[in-house]
């Protein structure tokens, strides 16, 4: 979304290409491949097994609930709290958001933050880990760039150094422990719908159906929404505010991304807790932060400055 899916195994981005052990690079690529295409492949046996049976309402509701809570874990937690420090949170809220964001299976909290900070530092320039403009701005080169920024960059052994981009995350003992638990939390994200499906249906078919629809499909949808902010929101859409890159606002993604697709405003003012800062912009993540603020769980929230959005540039 402004969010990104971080490569799941970190390597040193400043080392010469190919300097990492070959076995490490292959494990990284294999794990990333499983995360990227695994949910789609999981549909094949389930369709065969459940042919003629519709997905249950329980699967849909469970999938929506998990999509929302893990999605907010990324947008409110990984992105606005940990990456940009848009607000300060109570310790329990910080831990909860880190847990839920990790269950979105977009990489550990530390690697996610490091990647996104690097993206902002070099946005659409040399050093940006996933700019769609890396090959050019027209024709086939732009299509290649869109494919790379959407998913191809995940297979490049160029993960962002946490020591350089996220030293504060490494100093936080809570987040450091949660980062180490990422593999467990990734499995939990699938185990929860499987267990609930089995307990409600009492059959392995019901458990498998829940695993796929509320687990794999839900996860895949959230991943592609995230990746769409990396790709689509740097090529198509409007640019009402001036920024140093080519970030855009794409309204059609605003609900699914919980307000992350107001990407031009975010890049113009990265620390703002509300990305949908102009009238009529839907930003569920900002609304949730407001709730946390009223409950006393969030403080020192960096809300948009009226003067900065009072006279936006003409829409492109």
C-alpha atoms as a PDB file:
ATOM      1  CA  UNK A   1       0.000   0.000   0.000  1.00  0.00           C
ATOM      2  CA  UNK A   2       2.088   2.728   0.491  1.00  0.00           C
ATOM      3  CA  UNK A   3       2.607  -0.513   1.983  1.00  0.00           C
ATOM      4  CA  UNK A   4       4.981  -3.067   0.418  1.00  0.00           C
ATOM      5  CA  UNK A   5       5.613  -6.756   0.775  1.00  0.00           C
ATOM      6  CA  UNK A   6       9.192  -7.191   1.920  1.00  0.00           C
ATOM      7  CA  UNK A   7      11.345 -10.048   0.632  1.00  0.00           C
ATOM      8  CA  UNK A   8      11.027 -12.762   3.215  1.00  0.00           C
ATOM      9  CA  UNK A   9      14.760 -13.432   3.680  1.00  0.00           C
ATOM     10  CA  UNK A  10      17.061 -10.452   4.054  1.00  0.00           C
ATOM     11  CA  UNK A  11      20.342 -10.043   2.175  1.00  0.00           C
ATOM     12  CA  UNK A  12      22.763  -7.137   2.110  1.00  0.00           C
ATOM     13  CA  UNK A  13      21.656  -4.659  -0.617  1.00  0.00           C
ATOM     14  CA  UNK A  14      25.064  -3.005  -0.653  1.00  0.00           C
ATOM     15  CA  UNK A  15      27.036  -6.185  -1.292  1.00  0.00           C
ATOM     16  CA  UNK A  16      28.122  -7.062  -4.839  1.00  0.00           C
ATOM     17  CA  UNK A  17      25.555  -8.990  -6.829  1.00  0.00           C
ATOM     18  CA  UNK A  18      25.765 -12.711  -6.196  1.00  0.00           C
ATOM     19  CA  UNK A  19      27.778 -12.326  -3.005  1.00  0.00           C
ATOM     20  CA  UNK A  20      25.187 -14.118  -0.876  1.00  0.00           C
ATOM     21  CA  UNK A  21      25.558 -17.903  -0.660  1.00  0.00           C
ATOM     22  CA  UNK A  22      23.720 -19.631  -3.496  1.00  0.00           C
ATOM     23  CA  UNK A  23      21.808 -21.857  -1.048  1.00  0.00           C
ATOM     24  CA  UNK A  24      20.503 -18.800   0.806  1.00  0.00           C
ATOM     25  CA  UNK A  25      19.364 -17.139  -2.418  1.00  0.00           C
ATOM     26  CA  UNK A  26      17.554 -20.271  -3.572  1.00  0.00           C
ATOM     27  CA  UNK A  27      15.806 -20.681  -0.212  1.00  0.00           C
ATOM     28  CA  UNK A  28      14.754 -17.044  -0.366  1.00  0.00           C
ATOM     29  CA  UNK A  29      13.340 -17.372  -3.858  1.00  0.00           C
ATOM     30  CA  UNK A  30      11.605 -20.652  -3.091  1.00  0.00           C
ATOM     31  CA  UNK A  31       9.940 -19.250   0.040  1.00  0.00           C
ATOM     32  CA  UNK A  32       8.864 -16.114  -1.812  1.00  0.00           C
ATOM     33  CA  UNK A  33       7.485 -18.240  -4.650  1.00  0.00           C
ATOM     34  CA  UNK A  34       5.394 -20.249  -2.177  1.00  0.00           C
ATOM     35  CA  UNK A  35       3.966 -17.079  -0.631  1.00  0.00           C
ATOM     36  CA  UNK A  36       3.257 -15.441  -3.989  1.00  0.00           C
ATOM     37  CA  UNK A  37       1.703 -18.297  -5.980  1.00  0.00           C
ATOM     38  CA  UNK A  38       0.824 -20.736  -3.191  1.00  0.00           C
ATOM     39  CA  UNK A  39      -2.649 -19.266  -2.505  1.00  0.00           C
ATOM     40  CA  UNK A  40      -3.583 -19.524  -6.203  1.00  0.00           C
ATOM     41  CA  UNK A  41      -2.310 -23.090  -6.487  1.00  0.00           C
ATOM     42  CA  UNK A  42      -4.251 -24.052  -3.360  1.00  0.00           C
ATOM     43  CA  UNK A  43      -7.482 -23.375  -5.223  1.00  0.00           C
ATOM     44  CA  UNK A  44      -6.919 -26.281  -7.614  1.00  0.00           C
ATOM     45  CA  UNK A  45      -7.483 -29.205  -5.185  1.00  0.00           C
ATOM     46  CA  UNK A  46     -10.264 -27.369  -3.374  1.00  0.00           C
ATOM     47  CA  UNK A  47     -12.215 -26.676  -6.570  1.00  0.00           C
ATOM     48  CA  UNK A  48     -11.902 -30.361  -7.443  1.00  0.00           C
ATOM     49  CA  UNK A  49     -12.932 -31.435  -3.944  1.00  0.00           C
ATOM     50  CA  UNK A  50     -15.821 -29.015  -3.559  1.00  0.00           C
ATOM     51  CA  UNK A  51     -17.095 -29.077  -7.148  1.00  0.00           C
ATOM     52  CA  UNK A  52     -20.828 -28.366  -7.089  1.00  0.00           C
ATOM     53  CA  UNK A  53     -20.743 -26.873  -3.599  1.00  0.00           C
ATOM     54  CA  UNK A  54     -20.795 -23.128  -3.035  1.00  0.00           C
ATOM     55  CA  UNK A  55     -18.475 -21.372  -0.652  1.00  0.00           C
ATOM     56  CA  UNK A  56     -20.160 -21.050   2.734  1.00  0.00           C
ATOM     57  CA  UNK A  57     -21.208 -17.829   4.408  1.00  0.00           C
ATOM     58  CA  UNK A  58     -18.922 -18.751   7.300  1.00  0.00           C
ATOM     59  CA  UNK A  59     -15.917 -18.826   4.961  1.00  0.00           C
ATOM     60  CA  UNK A  60     -16.800 -15.395   3.564  1.00  0.00           C
ATOM     61  CA  UNK A  61     -17.354 -13.779   6.959  1.00  0.00           C
ATOM     62  CA  UNK A  62     -14.202 -15.310   8.398  1.00  0.00           C
ATOM     63  CA  UNK A  63     -12.202 -14.196   5.367  1.00  0.00           C
ATOM     64  CA  UNK A  64     -13.532 -10.635   5.604  1.00  0.00           C
ATOM     65  CA  UNK A  65     -12.761 -10.417   9.325  1.00  0.00           C
ATOM     66  CA  UNK A  66      -9.212 -11.697   8.858  1.00  0.00           C
ATOM     67  CA  UNK A  67      -8.712  -9.423   5.843  1.00  0.00           C
ATOM     68  CA  UNK A  68      -9.724  -6.390   7.886  1.00  0.00           C
ATOM     69  CA  UNK A  69      -7.727  -7.098  11.037  1.00  0.00           C
ATOM     70  CA  UNK A  70      -4.543  -8.208   9.259  1.00  0.00           C
ATOM     71  CA  UNK A  71      -4.929  -5.393   6.731  1.00  0.00           C
ATOM     72  CA  UNK A  72      -5.150  -2.797   9.487  1.00  0.00           C
ATOM     73  CA  UNK A  73      -2.158  -4.476  11.092  1.00  0.00           C
ATOM     74  CA  UNK A  74      -0.233  -3.509   7.960  1.00  0.00           C
ATOM     75  CA  UNK A  75      -1.703  -0.085   7.191  1.00  0.00           C
ATOM     76  CA  UNK A  76      -2.064   1.288  10.727  1.00  0.00           C
ATOM     77  CA  UNK A  77       0.731  -0.745  12.327  1.00  0.00           C
ATOM     78  CA  UNK A  78       3.530  -1.565   9.881  1.00  0.00           C
ATOM     79  CA  UNK A  79       3.008   1.553   7.779  1.00  0.00           C
ATOM     80  CA  UNK A  80       1.715   4.550   9.685  1.00  0.00           C
ATOM     81  CA  UNK A  81       2.993   3.652  13.162  1.00  0.00           C
ATOM     82  CA  UNK A  82       6.264   1.773  12.678  1.00  0.00           C
ATOM     83  CA  UNK A  83       7.516   3.136   9.340  1.00  0.00           C
ATOM     84  CA  UNK A  84       6.481   6.800   9.525  1.00  0.00           C
ATOM     85  CA  UNK A  85       5.839   7.330  13.247  1.00  0.00           C
ATOM     86  CA  UNK A  86       2.534   9.052  12.483  1.00  0.00           C
ATOM     87  CA  UNK A  87       1.520   8.568  16.109  1.00  0.00           C
ATOM     88  CA  UNK A  88       2.743   7.124  19.370  1.00  0.00           C
ATOM     89  CA  UNK A  89       0.908   4.109  20.740  1.00  0.00           C
ATOM     90  CA  UNK A  90       0.376   2.323  23.999  1.00  0.00           C
ATOM     91  CA  UNK A  91       2.616  -0.713  24.332  1.00  0.00           C
ATOM     92  CA  UNK A  92      -0.186  -3.276  24.079  1.00  0.00           C
ATOM     93  CA  UNK A  93      -1.535  -1.616  20.931  1.00  0.00           C
ATOM     94  CA  UNK A  94       1.958  -1.606  19.436  1.00  0.00           C
ATOM     95  CA  UNK A  95       2.349  -5.331  20.121  1.00  0.00           C
ATOM     96  CA  UNK A  96      -1.132  -6.160  18.806  1.00  0.00           C
ATOM     97  CA  UNK A  97      -0.561  -4.253  15.554  1.00  0.00           C
ATOM     98  CA  UNK A  98       2.811  -5.928  15.047  1.00  0.00           C
ATOM     99  CA  UNK A  99       1.249  -9.370  15.568  1.00  0.00           C
ATOM    100  CA  UNK A 100      -1.672  -8.700  13.216  1.00  0.00           C
ATOM    101  CA  UNK A 101       0.520  -7.122  10.543  1.00  0.00           C
ATOM    102  CA  UNK A 102       2.805 -10.142  10.637  1.00  0.00           C
ATOM    103  CA  UNK A 103      -0.225 -12.398  10.072  1.00  0.00           C
ATOM    104  CA  UNK A 104      -0.781 -10.642   6.738  1.00  0.00           C
ATOM    105  CA  UNK A 105       2.348 -12.555   5.673  1.00  0.00           C
ATOM    106  CA  UNK A 106       4.059  -9.598   4.002  1.00  0.00           C
ATOM    107  CA  UNK A 107       7.385 -10.197   5.714  1.00  0.00           C
ATOM    108  CA  UNK A 108       8.557  -9.507   9.239  1.00  0.00           C
ATOM    109  CA  UNK A 109       7.795  -6.110  10.737  1.00  0.00           C
ATOM    110  CA  UNK A 110      11.462  -5.064  10.602  1.00  0.00           C
ATOM    111  CA  UNK A 111      12.048  -6.080   6.980  1.00  0.00           C
ATOM    112  CA  UNK A 112       8.755  -4.438   5.926  1.00  0.00           C
ATOM    113  CA  UNK A 113       9.694  -1.145   7.565  1.00  0.00           C
ATOM    114  CA  UNK A 114      13.226  -1.171   6.146  1.00  0.00           C
ATOM    115  CA  UNK A 115      11.931  -1.782   2.611  1.00  0.00           C
ATOM    116  CA  UNK A 116       9.310   0.927   2.781  1.00  0.00           C
ATOM    117  CA  UNK A 117      11.660   3.533   4.205  1.00  0.00           C
ATOM    118  CA  UNK A 118      14.105   2.761   1.406  1.00  0.00           C
ATOM    119  CA  UNK A 119      11.250   3.172  -1.080  1.00  0.00           C
ATOM    120  CA  UNK A 120      10.559   6.665   0.235  1.00  0.00           C
ATOM    121  CA  UNK A 121      14.236   7.608   0.280  1.00  0.00           C
ATOM    122  CA  UNK A 122      14.740   6.743  -3.407  1.00  0.00           C
ATOM    123  CA  UNK A 123      11.157   6.803  -4.704  1.00  0.00           C
ATOM    124  CA  UNK A 124      11.057   6.267  -8.490  1.00  0.00           C
ATOM    125  CA  UNK A 125      14.815   6.751  -8.703  1.00  0.00           C
ATOM    126  CA  UNK A 126      17.930   4.635  -8.524  1.00  0.00           C
ATOM    127  CA  UNK A 127      17.735   2.679  -5.290  1.00  0.00           C
ATOM    128  CA  UNK A 128      13.941   2.362  -5.162  1.00  0.00           C
ATOM    129  CA  UNK A 129      13.348  -1.370  -4.563  1.00  0.00           C
ATOM    130  CA  UNK A 130      10.181  -1.493  -6.692  1.00  0.00           C
ATOM    131  CA  UNK A 131       9.665   1.490  -9.005  1.00  0.00           C
ATOM    132  CA  UNK A 132       7.549   0.756 -12.112  1.00  0.00           C
ATOM    133  CA  UNK A 133       9.662   3.288 -14.024  1.00  0.00           C
ATOM    134  CA  UNK A 134      12.936   1.349 -13.771  1.00  0.00           C
ATOM    135  CA  UNK A 135      12.894   0.320 -17.465  1.00  0.00           C
ATOM    136  CA  UNK A 136      11.256   3.392 -18.985  1.00  0.00           C
ATOM    137  CA  UNK A 137       7.960   5.226 -19.180  1.00  0.00           C
ATOM    138  CA  UNK A 138       6.404   3.988 -22.410  1.00  0.00           C
ATOM    139  CA  UNK A 139       5.184   0.872 -24.137  1.00  0.00           C
ATOM    140  CA  UNK A 140       6.678  -2.493 -23.313  1.00  0.00           C
ATOM    141  CA  UNK A 141       9.236  -0.961 -20.959  1.00  0.00           C
ATOM    142  CA  UNK A 142       6.499   0.482 -18.769  1.00  0.00           C
ATOM    143  CA  UNK A 143       4.655  -2.855 -18.788  1.00  0.00           C
ATOM    144  CA  UNK A 144       7.873  -4.581 -17.697  1.00  0.00           C
ATOM    145  CA  UNK A 145       8.230  -2.013 -14.929  1.00  0.00           C
ATOM    146  CA  UNK A 146       4.660  -2.523 -13.756  1.00  0.00           C
ATOM    147  CA  UNK A 147       5.187  -6.288 -13.574  1.00  0.00           C
ATOM    148  CA  UNK A 148       8.441  -5.792 -11.684  1.00  0.00           C
ATOM    149  CA  UNK A 149       6.985  -3.319  -9.174  1.00  0.00           C
ATOM    150  CA  UNK A 150       3.905  -5.466  -8.631  1.00  0.00           C
ATOM    151  CA  UNK A 151       5.612  -8.764  -7.887  1.00  0.00           C
ATOM    152  CA  UNK A 152       8.899  -9.255  -9.745  1.00  0.00           C
ATOM    153  CA  UNK A 153      11.000  -7.307  -7.248  1.00  0.00           C
ATOM    154  CA  UNK A 154      10.247  -9.920  -4.599  1.00  0.00           C
ATOM    155  CA  UNK A 155      12.522 -12.354  -6.435  1.00  0.00           C
ATOM    156  CA  UNK A 156      15.498  -9.993  -6.549  1.00  0.00           C
ATOM    157  CA  UNK A 157      18.158 -10.609  -3.897  1.00  0.00           C
ATOM    158  CA  UNK A 158      18.194  -6.971  -2.845  1.00  0.00           C
ATOM    159  CA  UNK A 159      16.463  -6.780   0.533  1.00  0.00           C
ATOM    160  CA  UNK A 160      16.893  -3.540   2.445  1.00  0.00           C
ATOM    161  CA  UNK A 161      19.337  -3.440   5.341  1.00  0.00           C
ATOM    162  CA  UNK A 162      17.538  -3.124   8.673  1.00  0.00           C
ATOM    163  CA  UNK A 163      20.726  -1.767  10.242  1.00  0.00           C
ATOM    164  CA  UNK A 164      20.646   1.157   7.829  1.00  0.00           C
ATOM    165  CA  UNK A 165      16.929   1.785   7.319  1.00  0.00           C
ATOM    166  CA  UNK A 166      15.300   0.532  10.532  1.00  0.00           C
ATOM    167  CA  UNK A 167      17.776   0.682  13.449  1.00  0.00           C
ATOM    168  CA  UNK A 168      14.980   1.873  15.755  1.00  0.00           C
ATOM    169  CA  UNK A 169      13.088  -1.350  15.071  1.00  0.00           C
ATOM    170  CA  UNK A 170      16.128  -3.391  16.059  1.00  0.00           C
ATOM    171  CA  UNK A 171      16.408  -1.454  19.321  1.00  0.00           C
ATOM    172  CA  UNK A 172      12.788  -2.199  20.285  1.00  0.00           C
ATOM    173  CA  UNK A 173      12.831  -5.501  22.183  1.00  0.00           C
ATOM    174  CA  UNK A 174       9.101  -6.128  21.629  1.00  0.00           C
ATOM    175  CA  UNK A 175       9.343  -5.705  17.867  1.00  0.00           C
ATOM    176  CA  UNK A 176      12.588  -7.641  17.695  1.00  0.00           C
ATOM    177  CA  UNK A 177      10.921 -10.643  19.358  1.00  0.00           C
ATOM    178  CA  UNK A 178       7.839 -10.393  17.142  1.00  0.00           C
ATOM    179  CA  UNK A 179      10.082 -10.227  14.082  1.00  0.00           C
ATOM    180  CA  UNK A 180      11.675 -13.529  15.086  1.00  0.00           C
ATOM    181  CA  UNK A 181       8.189 -15.027  15.456  1.00  0.00           C
ATOM    182  CA  UNK A 182       7.218 -14.164  11.871  1.00  0.00           C
ATOM    183  CA  UNK A 183       7.288 -17.778  10.557  1.00  0.00           C
ATOM    184  CA  UNK A 184       5.043 -18.872  13.448  1.00  0.00           C
ATOM    185  CA  UNK A 185       2.619 -15.999  12.887  1.00  0.00           C
ATOM    186  CA  UNK A 186       2.509 -16.739   9.148  1.00  0.00           C
ATOM    187  CA  UNK A 187       1.472 -20.312   9.885  1.00  0.00           C
ATOM    188  CA  UNK A 188      -1.015 -19.086  12.494  1.00  0.00           C
ATOM    189  CA  UNK A 189      -2.662 -16.938   9.825  1.00  0.00           C
ATOM    190  CA  UNK A 190      -3.594 -20.157   8.015  1.00  0.00           C
ATOM    191  CA  UNK A 191      -4.080 -22.356  11.068  1.00  0.00           C
ATOM    192  CA  UNK A 192      -6.761 -20.097  12.582  1.00  0.00           C
ATOM    193  CA  UNK A 193      -9.297 -20.390   9.717  1.00  0.00           C
ATOM    194  CA  UNK A 194      -8.510 -24.112   9.349  1.00  0.00           C
ATOM    195  CA  UNK A 195      -9.213 -24.730  13.056  1.00  0.00           C
ATOM    196  CA  UNK A 196     -12.364 -22.598  13.092  1.00  0.00           C
ATOM    197  CA  UNK A 197     -13.626 -24.262   9.912  1.00  0.00           C
ATOM    198  CA  UNK A 198     -13.143 -27.699  11.423  1.00  0.00           C
ATOM    199  CA  UNK A 199     -14.759 -26.767  14.742  1.00  0.00           C
ATOM    200  CA  UNK A 200     -17.833 -25.343  13.010  1.00  0.00           C
ATOM    201  CA  UNK A 201     -18.268 -27.910  10.237  1.00  0.00           C
ATOM    202  CA  UNK A 202     -16.904 -30.919  12.067  1.00  0.00           C
ATOM    203  CA  UNK A 203     -15.364 -32.230   8.834  1.00  0.00           C
ATOM    204  CA  UNK A 204     -12.003 -32.002   7.076  1.00  0.00           C
ATOM    205  CA  UNK A 205     -13.780 -30.674   3.988  1.00  0.00           C
ATOM    206  CA  UNK A 206     -15.131 -27.749   6.016  1.00  0.00           C
ATOM    207  CA  UNK A 207     -11.685 -27.135   7.482  1.00  0.00           C
ATOM    208  CA  UNK A 208     -10.048 -27.189   4.040  1.00  0.00           C
ATOM    209  CA  UNK A 209     -12.687 -24.868   2.592  1.00  0.00           C
ATOM    210  CA  UNK A 210     -12.078 -22.345   5.379  1.00  0.00           C
ATOM    211  CA  UNK A 211      -8.319 -22.699   4.973  1.00  0.00           C
ATOM    212  CA  UNK A 212      -8.516 -21.801   1.295  1.00  0.00           C
ATOM    213  CA  UNK A 213     -11.140 -19.039   1.257  1.00  0.00           C
ATOM    214  CA  UNK A 214     -10.494 -17.398   4.649  1.00  0.00           C
ATOM    215  CA  UNK A 215      -6.791 -18.258   4.578  1.00  0.00           C
ATOM    216  CA  UNK A 216      -5.137 -18.469   1.173  1.00  0.00           C
ATOM    217  CA  UNK A 217      -7.574 -16.408  -0.916  1.00  0.00           C
ATOM    218  CA  UNK A 218      -7.882 -13.721   1.752  1.00  0.00           C
ATOM    219  CA  UNK A 219      -4.098 -13.547   1.973  1.00  0.00           C
ATOM    220  CA  UNK A 220      -3.667 -13.381  -1.812  1.00  0.00           C
ATOM    221  CA  UNK A 221      -6.218 -10.564  -2.134  1.00  0.00           C
ATOM    222  CA  UNK A 222      -4.474  -8.472   0.512  1.00  0.00           C
ATOM    223  CA  UNK A 223      -1.094  -9.097  -1.140  1.00  0.00           C
ATOM    224  CA  UNK A 224      -2.314  -7.955  -4.550  1.00  0.00           C
ATOM    225  CA  UNK A 225      -3.941  -4.846  -3.108  1.00  0.00           C
ATOM    226  CA  UNK A 226      -0.618  -4.032  -1.441  1.00  0.00           C
ATOM    227  CA  UNK A 227       1.324  -4.659  -4.629  1.00  0.00           C
ATOM    228  CA  UNK A 228      -1.158  -2.523  -6.602  1.00  0.00           C
ATOM    229  CA  UNK A 229      -0.147   0.485  -4.531  1.00  0.00           C
ATOM    230  CA  UNK A 230       3.480  -0.200  -5.497  1.00  0.00           C
ATOM    231  CA  UNK A 231       2.641  -0.482  -9.187  1.00  0.00           C
ATOM    232  CA  UNK A 232      -0.648   1.190 -10.145  1.00  0.00           C
ATOM    233  CA  UNK A 233      -0.275   4.089  -7.703  1.00  0.00           C
ATOM    234  CA  UNK A 234       2.993   5.164  -9.334  1.00  0.00           C
ATOM    235  CA  UNK A 235       1.650   5.171 -12.903  1.00  0.00           C
ATOM    236  CA  UNK A 236      -2.108   5.812 -13.097  1.00  0.00           C
ATOM    237  CA  UNK A 237      -4.336   8.237 -11.201  1.00  0.00           C
ATOM    238  CA  UNK A 238      -4.209  11.866 -10.110  1.00  0.00           C
ATOM    239  CA  UNK A 239      -1.494  13.994  -8.536  1.00  0.00           C
ATOM    240  CA  UNK A 240      -3.185  16.860  -6.629  1.00  0.00           C
ATOM    241  CA  UNK A 241      -0.134  17.571  -4.441  1.00  0.00           C
ATOM    242  CA  UNK A 242       3.457  18.110  -5.448  1.00  0.00           C
ATOM    243  CA  UNK A 243       5.894  15.316  -4.608  1.00  0.00           C
ATOM    244  CA  UNK A 244       9.410  14.458  -5.754  1.00  0.00           C
ATOM    245  CA  UNK A 245       8.283  11.207  -7.408  1.00  0.00           C
ATOM    246  CA  UNK A 246       5.434   9.981  -9.613  1.00  0.00           C
ATOM    247  CA  UNK A 247       3.092   8.737  -6.893  1.00  0.00           C
ATOM    248  CA  UNK A 248      -0.627   9.069  -7.628  1.00  0.00           C
ATOM    249  CA  UNK A 249      -4.030   8.841  -5.967  1.00  0.00           C
ATOM    250  CA  UNK A 250      -6.257   5.973  -7.177  1.00  0.00           C
ATOM    251  CA  UNK A 251      -9.698   6.231  -5.621  1.00  0.00           C
ATOM    252  CA  UNK A 252     -10.941   2.815  -6.742  1.00  0.00           C
ATOM    253  CA  UNK A 253      -8.460   1.104  -4.397  1.00  0.00           C
ATOM    254  CA  UNK A 254      -9.183   3.281  -1.374  1.00  0.00           C
ATOM    255  CA  UNK A 255     -11.606   0.954   0.415  1.00  0.00           C
ATOM    256  CA  UNK A 256      -9.748  -2.309  -0.233  1.00  0.00           C
ATOM    257  CA  UNK A 257      -6.440  -0.685   0.758  1.00  0.00           C
ATOM    258  CA  UNK A 258      -7.943   1.038   3.829  1.00  0.00           C
ATOM    259  CA  UNK A 259      -6.913   4.464   2.516  1.00  0.00           C
ATOM    260  CA  UNK A 260      -3.404   3.567   1.345  1.00  0.00           C
ATOM    261  CA  UNK A 261      -4.094   4.344  -2.320  1.00  0.00           C
ATOM    262  CA  UNK A 262      -4.122   8.102  -1.665  1.00  0.00           C
ATOM    263  CA  UNK A 263      -0.462   7.591  -2.449  1.00  0.00           C
ATOM    264  CA  UNK A 264       0.378  11.010  -3.882  1.00  0.00           C
ATOM    265  CA  UNK A 265      -0.732  12.734  -0.690  1.00  0.00           C
ATOM    266  CA  UNK A 266       1.183  10.185   1.352  1.00  0.00           C
ATOM    267  CA  UNK A 267       4.410  10.778  -0.559  1.00  0.00           C
ATOM    268  CA  UNK A 268       3.956  14.539  -0.316  1.00  0.00           C
ATOM    269  CA  UNK A 269       3.487  14.263   3.466  1.00  0.00           C
ATOM    270  CA  UNK A 270       4.739  10.814   4.605  1.00  0.00           C
ATOM    271  CA  UNK A 271       4.304  11.366   8.342  1.00  0.00           C
ATOM    272  CA  UNK A 272       0.625  12.293   8.184  1.00  0.00           C
ATOM    273  CA  UNK A 273      -1.689   9.808   9.890  1.00  0.00           C
ATOM    274  CA  UNK A 274      -4.399  10.518   7.300  1.00  0.00           C
ATOM    275  CA  UNK A 275      -3.563   9.898   3.657  1.00  0.00           C
ATOM    276  CA  UNK A 276      -7.018  10.782   2.352  1.00  0.00           C
ATOM    277  CA  UNK A 277      -6.570  14.396   3.424  1.00  0.00           C
ATOM    278  CA  UNK A 278      -8.770  16.055   0.799  1.00  0.00           C
ATOM    279  CA  UNK A 279     -12.544  16.294   0.955  1.00  0.00           C
ATOM    280  CA  UNK A 280     -14.401  13.116   0.008  1.00  0.00           C
ATOM    281  CA  UNK A 281     -11.399  10.799   0.365  1.00  0.00           C
ATOM    282  CA  UNK A 282     -12.179   7.562   2.201  1.00  0.00           C
ATOM    283  CA  UNK A 283      -9.438   6.572   4.645  1.00  0.00           C
ATOM    284  CA  UNK A 284     -10.525   3.793   7.063  1.00  0.00           C
ATOM    285  CA  UNK A 285      -7.030   3.569   8.582  1.00  0.00           C
ATOM    286  CA  UNK A 286      -7.162   7.211   9.651  1.00  0.00           C
ATOM    287  CA  UNK A 287     -10.594   6.671  11.186  1.00  0.00           C
ATOM    288  CA  UNK A 288      -9.274   3.758  13.212  1.00  0.00           C
ATOM    289  CA  UNK A 289      -6.337   5.845  14.424  1.00  0.00           C
ATOM    290  CA  UNK A 290      -8.847   8.504  15.499  1.00  0.00           C
ATOM    291  CA  UNK A 291     -10.702   5.857  17.529  1.00  0.00           C
ATOM    292  CA  UNK A 292      -7.426   4.802  19.165  1.00  0.00           C
ATOM    293  CA  UNK A 293      -6.691   8.440  19.947  1.00  0.00           C
ATOM    294  CA  UNK A 294     -10.069   8.961  21.622  1.00  0.00           C
ATOM    295  CA  UNK A 295      -9.564   5.801  23.664  1.00  0.00           C
ATOM    296  CA  UNK A 296      -6.207   7.098  24.818  1.00  0.00           C
ATOM    297  CA  UNK A 297      -4.281   4.316  23.066  1.00  0.00           C
ATOM    298  CA  UNK A 298      -2.729   6.664  20.480  1.00  0.00           C
ATOM    299  CA  UNK A 299      -1.221  10.077  21.170  1.00  0.00           C
ATOM    300  CA  UNK A 300       0.785  12.768  19.421  1.00  0.00           C
ATOM    301  CA  UNK A 301      -1.058  11.915  16.191  1.00  0.00           C
ATOM    302  CA  UNK A 302       0.231  13.817  13.178  1.00  0.00           C
ATOM    303  CA  UNK A 303      -2.987  14.908  11.500  1.00  0.00           C
ATOM    304  CA  UNK A 304      -2.842  16.836   8.179  1.00  0.00           C
ATOM    305  CA  UNK A 305      -2.095  20.535   8.296  1.00  0.00           C
ATOM    306  CA  UNK A 306      -4.975  22.493   6.777  1.00  0.00           C
ATOM    307  CA  UNK A 307      -2.713  24.978   5.040  1.00  0.00           C
ATOM    308  CA  UNK A 308      -0.876  22.188   3.225  1.00  0.00           C
ATOM    309  CA  UNK A 309      -4.052  20.854   1.555  1.00  0.00           C
ATOM    310  CA  UNK A 310      -6.067  24.069   1.257  1.00  0.00           C
ATOM    311  CA  UNK A 311      -4.694  24.943  -2.194  1.00  0.00           C
ATOM    312  CA  UNK A 312      -3.821  21.683  -3.945  1.00  0.00           C
ATOM    313  CA  UNK A 313      -2.332  21.621  -7.421  1.00  0.00           C
ATOM    314  CA  UNK A 314      -4.708  21.123 -10.375  1.00  0.00           C
ATOM    315  CA  UNK A 315      -5.511  17.442 -10.875  1.00  0.00           C
ATOM    316  CA  UNK A 316      -3.558  15.745 -13.627  1.00  0.00           C
END
